Amino acid sequence: MSIVLSRDSQVRVMENTVTNAEKYFGQFCSLLAAYTRKTARLRDKADQLVRQLTDFANTENPEMRATMRNFAEDLAKVQDYRQAEVERLETKVICPLKLYGAHIKQTRAEIKKFKQVQKNEMKQLEKLEKLRQKSPSDRQMISQAETGVQRASVDASRITHQLEEVIDTFQKQKLKDLQKIFSDFVTIEMVFHAKAVEVYSSAFQILESYDLERDLEDFRTKMRGVYGRYDAQPFKDTTPSPAVPWALTGQSTQTTIRSQRRDEEEEESVEHSAEEDPVEDLRGQGQTPQQ
C-alpha cells in the first residue's frame, strides 16, 4: 500500500509540473503576442510621423526642408528595423510558445494513462482486502486476488517508469526551450536597439547641423520682398522743412506731398519743372500699390 501512496505522490508532482507549464507558457505566449502587436502599432504610428514630417518639410525654407527630409528618412530606417523585429518575434518567440500546447496535451495523455493503471491497481488491492475480511479461509479466491494485485502492481510499476521518463524529457525540453526562447527574445531586442541607436545618432547629428540663421535670413528676405515698401525711410525735400517719415499711411503721405506741391507752384513757378521731378519720384515711392 505504501508503494501505491508513493506513486500517487509522484503523479501529483508530475501533474503540477505540466499544469504550471501550461499556465505560465500560455501567459508568456499571450503577453509576448500582445508585446509584438504593440510594437507593430508603434511602427505604424512612426510611419505616419514620417509622412507628416515629409509633408511639413515641403512647406519650409531650404535648410529646414532638407533637415526634415533627412530626419524623416532616418526615422523610416528605424521602422524598417522595427518591422524586422516584429517578424523575428513572431517566428522565434511566439510560434515556439504556441507549439507548447501540443507538447502539454501529449504529456497529459501519458499521465491519464498512468492514472487508469493506478486506479486498476487500487481496485485490485481493495478487492483483496475485502476477501481477506469476508472469506479468510477461502485460499483459492485470496490467491487469485493476490495474483491480480501483483499483475496490477507490475503494470503500475512499468507505467510509472515510463511516465517518469516522459516527464523527465518534458521538463528537460521545457527548460531548454525556455532558455532559447528568451535568449532569442533578448537577442532580437538588442539587435533592434543597436541598429536604432546607430540611426538615431545620425538623426541627432542631422538636427544638430541645422543652420537656423541661414533659414531665418532666407525667411526675412522673402518677408521683405513682400512687405519691403513699409520700411522706414526719411523723406528729403529741397526746402529746409523737417523730413516727413515714410511710416505714415499712404493717404497722409499723398496729402502732404500735394500740399507741398501747391506751395511750390505758387512761390516758385519759374522753377516749376526743376522742383516737380523729385516730388513725383517721392510720391511714386510713398504710394501703396493699388491691388
Protein backbone atom coordinates (compact mmCIF):
# COMPACT_ATOMS: atom_id res chain seq x y z
CA MET A 1 0.00 0.00 0.00
CA SER A 2 2.89 2.34 0.79
CA ILE A 3 4.19 1.82 -2.76
CA VAL A 4 0.83 2.90 -4.14
CA LEU A 5 0.87 6.06 -2.00
CA SER A 6 4.40 6.80 -3.15
CA ARG A 7 3.31 6.51 -6.78
CA ASP A 8 0.37 8.79 -6.10
CA SER A 9 2.74 11.40 -4.72
CA GLN A 10 4.90 11.09 -7.83
CA VAL A 11 1.91 11.64 -10.07
CA ARG A 12 0.96 14.81 -8.21
CA VAL A 13 4.45 16.21 -8.76
CA MET A 14 4.25 15.32 -12.45
CA GLU A 15 0.81 16.86 -12.81
CA ASN A 16 1.93 20.06 -11.10
CA THR A 17 4.89 20.28 -13.47
CA VAL A 18 2.65 20.01 -16.52
CA THR A 19 -0.03 22.28 -15.06
CA ASN A 20 2.47 25.03 -14.26
CA ALA A 21 4.00 24.76 -17.72
CA GLU A 22 0.56 25.01 -19.30
CA LYS A 23 -0.38 28.02 -17.17
CA TYR A 24 2.79 30.08 -17.49
CA PHE A 25 3.70 29.21 -21.06
CA GLY A 26 0.19 30.23 -22.05
CA GLN A 27 0.61 33.53 -20.23
CA PHE A 28 4.04 34.08 -21.79
CA CYS A 29 2.57 33.45 -25.23
CA SER A 30 -0.33 35.83 -24.65
CA LEU A 31 1.82 38.63 -23.23
CA LEU A 32 4.56 38.37 -25.84
CA ALA A 33 1.97 38.28 -28.62
CA ALA A 34 0.48 41.50 -27.19
CA TYR A 35 4.01 42.94 -26.95
CA THR A 36 4.59 42.14 -30.62
CA ARG A 37 1.26 43.70 -31.65
CA LYS A 38 2.09 46.86 -29.68
CA THR A 39 5.47 47.02 -31.41
CA ALA A 40 3.75 46.71 -34.80
CA ARG A 41 1.33 49.51 -33.86
CA LEU A 42 4.27 51.68 -32.78
CA ARG A 43 5.83 51.03 -36.20
CA ASP A 44 2.60 52.15 -37.90
CA LYS A 45 2.42 55.36 -35.84
CA ALA A 46 6.05 56.14 -36.62
CA ASP A 47 5.33 55.63 -40.34
CA GLN A 48 2.56 58.21 -40.03
CA LEU A 49 5.00 60.58 -38.35
CA VAL A 50 7.45 60.10 -41.23
CA ARG A 51 4.74 61.06 -43.72
CA GLN A 52 3.80 64.15 -41.70
CA LEU A 53 7.43 65.22 -41.43
CA THR A 54 7.83 64.91 -45.20
CA ASP A 55 4.68 66.95 -45.84
CA PHE A 56 5.82 69.59 -43.38
CA ALA A 57 9.28 69.76 -44.97
CA ASN A 58 7.73 70.69 -48.30
CA THR A 59 6.28 73.87 -46.74
CA GLU A 60 9.54 75.11 -45.22
CA ASN A 61 12.62 77.02 -46.33
CA PRO A 62 15.56 75.12 -47.91
CA GLU A 63 17.57 74.44 -44.74
CA MET A 64 14.63 73.16 -42.69
CA ARG A 65 13.26 71.30 -45.70
CA ALA A 66 16.50 69.38 -46.19
CA THR A 67 16.86 68.74 -42.45
CA MET A 68 13.32 67.41 -42.02
CA ARG A 69 13.58 65.22 -45.11
CA ASN A 70 16.83 63.66 -43.93
CA PHE A 71 15.45 63.24 -40.41
CA ALA A 72 12.32 61.55 -41.81
CA GLU A 73 14.49 59.18 -43.86
CA ASP A 74 16.40 58.11 -40.75
CA LEU A 75 13.17 57.66 -38.82
CA ALA A 76 11.87 55.49 -41.67
CA LYS A 77 15.01 53.34 -41.42
CA VAL A 78 14.29 52.71 -37.75
CA GLN A 79 10.81 51.50 -38.70
CA ASP A 80 12.34 49.07 -41.20
CA TYR A 81 14.37 47.63 -38.33
CA ARG A 82 11.24 47.56 -36.18
CA GLN A 83 9.42 45.60 -38.88
CA ALA A 84 12.25 43.05 -38.85
CA GLU A 85 11.94 42.95 -35.05
CA VAL A 86 8.21 42.15 -35.30
CA GLU A 87 8.77 39.37 -37.84
CA ARG A 88 11.55 37.78 -35.77
CA LEU A 89 9.48 37.91 -32.59
CA GLU A 90 6.63 36.11 -34.32
CA THR A 91 8.95 33.44 -35.76
CA LYS A 92 11.37 32.80 -32.89
CA VAL A 93 9.29 33.62 -29.82
CA ILE A 94 5.54 33.42 -30.43
CA CYS A 95 5.44 30.31 -32.63
CA PRO A 96 7.54 28.09 -30.29
CA LEU A 97 5.35 29.09 -27.35
CA LYS A 98 2.21 28.25 -29.34
CA LEU A 99 3.60 24.80 -30.15
CA TYR A 100 3.88 24.01 -26.45
CA GLY A 101 0.15 23.44 -26.34
CA ALA A 102 0.62 20.19 -28.30
CA HIS A 103 3.50 19.03 -26.06
CA ILE A 104 1.46 19.60 -22.93
CA LYS A 105 -1.55 17.80 -24.37
CA GLN A 106 0.56 14.75 -25.20
CA THR A 107 2.13 14.69 -21.73
CA ARG A 108 -1.27 14.93 -20.07
CA ALA A 109 -2.38 11.92 -22.12
CA GLU A 110 0.53 9.91 -20.66
CA ILE A 111 -0.42 10.96 -17.13
CA LYS A 112 -4.04 9.96 -17.78
CA LYS A 113 -2.93 6.54 -18.97
CA PHE A 114 -0.91 6.05 -15.80
CA LYS A 115 -3.87 7.09 -13.65
CA GLN A 116 -6.02 4.39 -15.24
CA VAL A 117 -3.40 1.75 -14.43
CA GLN A 118 -3.06 3.14 -10.92
CA LYS A 119 -6.80 3.02 -10.48
CA ASN A 120 -6.86 -0.63 -11.53
CA GLU A 121 -4.10 -1.40 -9.01
CA MET A 122 -6.08 0.26 -6.22
CA LYS A 123 -9.18 -1.68 -7.24
CA GLN A 124 -7.32 -4.99 -7.06
CA LEU A 125 -5.93 -4.11 -3.64
CA GLU A 126 -9.38 -3.22 -2.31
CA LYS A 127 -10.78 -6.49 -3.70
CA LEU A 128 -8.03 -8.45 -1.94
CA GLU A 129 -8.67 -6.70 1.36
CA LYS A 130 -12.40 -7.43 1.19
CA LEU A 131 -11.79 -11.12 0.51
CA ARG A 132 -9.42 -11.37 3.44
CA GLN A 133 -12.02 -9.80 5.69
CA LYS A 134 -15.08 -11.72 4.43
CA SER A 135 -13.55 -15.07 3.49
CA PRO A 136 -10.23 -15.51 5.25
CA SER A 137 -10.43 -19.28 4.82
CA ASP A 138 -11.03 -19.21 1.04
CA ARG A 139 -7.40 -19.58 -0.04
CA GLN A 140 -8.19 -20.06 -3.70
CA MET A 141 -10.07 -16.77 -4.04
CA ILE A 142 -7.49 -14.95 -1.99
CA SER A 143 -4.70 -16.43 -4.13
CA GLN A 144 -6.41 -15.28 -7.31
CA ALA A 145 -6.89 -11.80 -5.86
CA GLU A 146 -3.24 -11.66 -4.84
CA THR A 147 -2.26 -12.64 -8.38
CA GLY A 148 -4.45 -9.82 -9.74
CA VAL A 149 -2.81 -7.37 -7.36
CA GLN A 150 0.65 -8.48 -8.46
CA ARG A 151 -0.21 -8.07 -12.13
CA ALA A 152 -1.71 -4.63 -11.49
CA SER A 153 1.33 -3.67 -9.43
CA VAL A 154 3.71 -4.79 -12.21
CA ASP A 155 1.71 -2.77 -14.77
CA ALA A 156 1.71 0.25 -12.47
CA SER A 157 5.46 -0.02 -11.92
CA ARG A 158 6.09 -0.30 -15.65
CA ILE A 159 3.82 2.66 -16.46
CA THR A 160 5.34 4.67 -13.64
CA HIS A 161 8.82 4.14 -15.03
CA GLN A 162 7.65 5.15 -18.50
CA LEU A 163 5.88 8.20 -17.14
CA GLU A 164 8.98 9.25 -15.21
CA GLU A 165 10.94 9.18 -18.45
CA VAL A 166 8.23 11.15 -20.26
CA ILE A 167 8.05 13.82 -17.55
CA ASP A 168 11.83 14.00 -17.27
CA THR A 169 12.11 14.52 -21.03
CA PHE A 170 9.31 17.06 -20.90
CA GLN A 171 10.97 19.03 -18.08
CA LYS A 172 14.37 18.95 -19.75
CA GLN A 173 12.94 20.13 -23.07
CA LYS A 174 10.84 22.79 -21.32
CA LEU A 175 13.89 24.30 -19.60
CA LYS A 176 15.97 24.24 -22.79
CA ASP A 177 13.14 25.79 -24.82
CA LEU A 178 12.53 28.42 -22.19
CA GLN A 179 16.19 29.36 -22.22
CA LYS A 180 16.31 29.53 -26.03
CA ILE A 181 13.03 31.42 -26.44
CA PHE A 182 14.01 34.20 -24.07
CA SER A 183 17.59 34.26 -25.35
CA ASP A 184 16.17 34.80 -28.84
CA PHE A 185 13.84 37.47 -27.46
CA VAL A 186 16.73 39.38 -25.87
CA THR A 187 18.91 38.98 -28.98
CA ILE A 188 16.14 40.32 -31.22
CA GLU A 189 15.65 43.32 -28.94
CA MET A 190 19.39 44.01 -28.68
CA VAL A 191 19.84 43.89 -32.46
CA PHE A 192 16.94 46.27 -33.00
CA HIS A 193 18.05 48.74 -30.35
CA ALA A 194 21.67 48.66 -31.51
CA LYS A 195 20.59 49.46 -35.07
CA ALA A 196 18.11 52.07 -33.81
CA VAL A 197 20.76 53.83 -31.72
CA GLU A 198 23.04 53.96 -34.75
CA VAL A 199 20.35 55.55 -36.92
CA TYR A 200 19.10 57.84 -34.16
CA SER A 201 22.67 59.08 -33.69
CA SER A 202 22.71 60.02 -37.36
CA ALA A 203 19.32 61.71 -36.98
CA PHE A 204 20.61 63.67 -33.98
CA GLN A 205 23.60 64.91 -35.99
CA ILE A 206 21.26 65.99 -38.78
CA LEU A 207 19.21 68.07 -36.35
CA GLU A 208 22.33 69.48 -34.68
CA SER A 209 23.80 70.62 -38.02
CA TYR A 210 20.65 72.54 -38.97
CA ASP A 211 21.59 76.15 -39.90
CA LEU A 212 18.85 78.16 -38.23
CA GLU A 213 20.37 81.56 -39.06
CA ARG A 214 20.53 80.78 -42.74
CA ASP A 215 16.87 79.76 -42.74
CA LEU A 216 15.92 82.92 -40.84
CA GLU A 217 17.88 85.05 -43.31
CA ASP A 218 16.05 83.41 -46.20
CA PHE A 219 12.71 83.90 -44.42
CA ARG A 220 13.42 87.59 -43.69
CA THR A 221 14.50 88.15 -47.28
CA LYS A 222 11.22 86.71 -48.54
CA MET A 223 9.25 88.73 -45.99
CA ARG A 224 10.97 91.95 -47.06
CA GLY A 225 10.28 91.12 -50.67
CA VAL A 226 6.54 91.16 -49.90
CA TYR A 227 6.36 93.98 -47.35
CA GLY A 228 9.51 95.96 -48.19
CA ARG A 229 7.70 99.20 -49.14
CA TYR A 230 6.77 99.71 -45.49
CA ASP A 231 10.41 100.00 -44.37
CA ALA A 232 11.12 103.34 -42.62
CA GLN A 233 12.97 105.83 -44.89
CA PRO A 234 13.39 109.63 -44.36
CA PHE A 235 11.51 111.99 -46.72
CA LYS A 236 14.00 114.54 -48.06
CA ASP A 237 12.98 117.88 -49.60
CA THR A 238 14.97 120.76 -51.15
CA THR A 239 13.37 123.17 -48.69
CA PRO A 240 14.64 123.45 -45.10
CA SER A 241 11.32 121.99 -43.76
CA PRO A 242 11.64 118.91 -41.49
CA ALA A 243 11.68 115.44 -43.04
CA VAL A 244 8.42 113.55 -43.39
CA PRO A 245 8.62 109.87 -42.17
CA TRP A 246 7.67 107.17 -44.67
CA ALA A 247 5.93 105.30 -41.82
CA LEU A 248 2.82 107.45 -42.47
CA THR A 249 -0.09 105.81 -44.25
CA GLY A 250 -0.34 106.14 -48.00
CA GLN A 251 -3.21 108.64 -47.80
CA SER A 252 -1.43 111.00 -45.32
CA THR A 253 1.74 110.96 -47.37
CA GLN A 254 -0.08 111.82 -50.55
CA THR A 255 -1.88 114.74 -48.82
CA THR A 256 1.40 116.17 -47.51
CA ILE A 257 3.03 115.94 -50.91
CA ARG A 258 0.11 117.57 -52.67
CA SER A 259 0.20 120.49 -50.15
CA GLN A 260 3.90 121.00 -50.67
CA ARG A 261 3.42 120.99 -54.43
CA ARG A 262 0.77 123.72 -54.26
CA ASP A 263 3.11 125.98 -52.20
CA GLU A 264 5.96 125.39 -54.58
CA GLU A 265 3.83 126.15 -57.64
CA GLU A 266 2.71 129.47 -56.15
CA GLU A 267 6.11 130.62 -54.85
CA GLU A 268 8.45 129.18 -57.43
CA SER A 269 6.50 129.00 -60.63
CA VAL A 270 9.63 129.82 -62.64
CA GLU A 271 11.41 126.73 -61.35
CA HIS A 272 8.34 124.52 -61.64
CA SER A 273 9.91 121.86 -63.84
CA ALA A 274 13.04 121.57 -61.76
CA GLU A 275 11.14 121.16 -58.49
CA GLU A 276 8.39 118.77 -59.70
CA ASP A 277 10.55 115.79 -60.65
CA PRO A 278 11.79 114.98 -57.10
CA VAL A 279 8.27 115.28 -55.72
CA GLU A 280 6.91 112.97 -58.40
CA ASP A 281 9.63 110.44 -57.58
CA LEU A 282 8.85 110.59 -53.88
CA ARG A 283 5.15 110.28 -54.44
CA GLY A 284 5.73 107.23 -56.51
CA GLN A 285 7.73 105.68 -53.68
CA GLY A 286 5.26 106.65 -50.95
CA GLN A 287 2.07 105.38 -52.53
CA THR A 288 0.95 101.92 -51.71
CA PRO A 289 0.43 99.85 -54.90
CA GLN A 290 -3.24 99.57 -55.71
CA GLN A 291 -4.44 96.00 -55.87
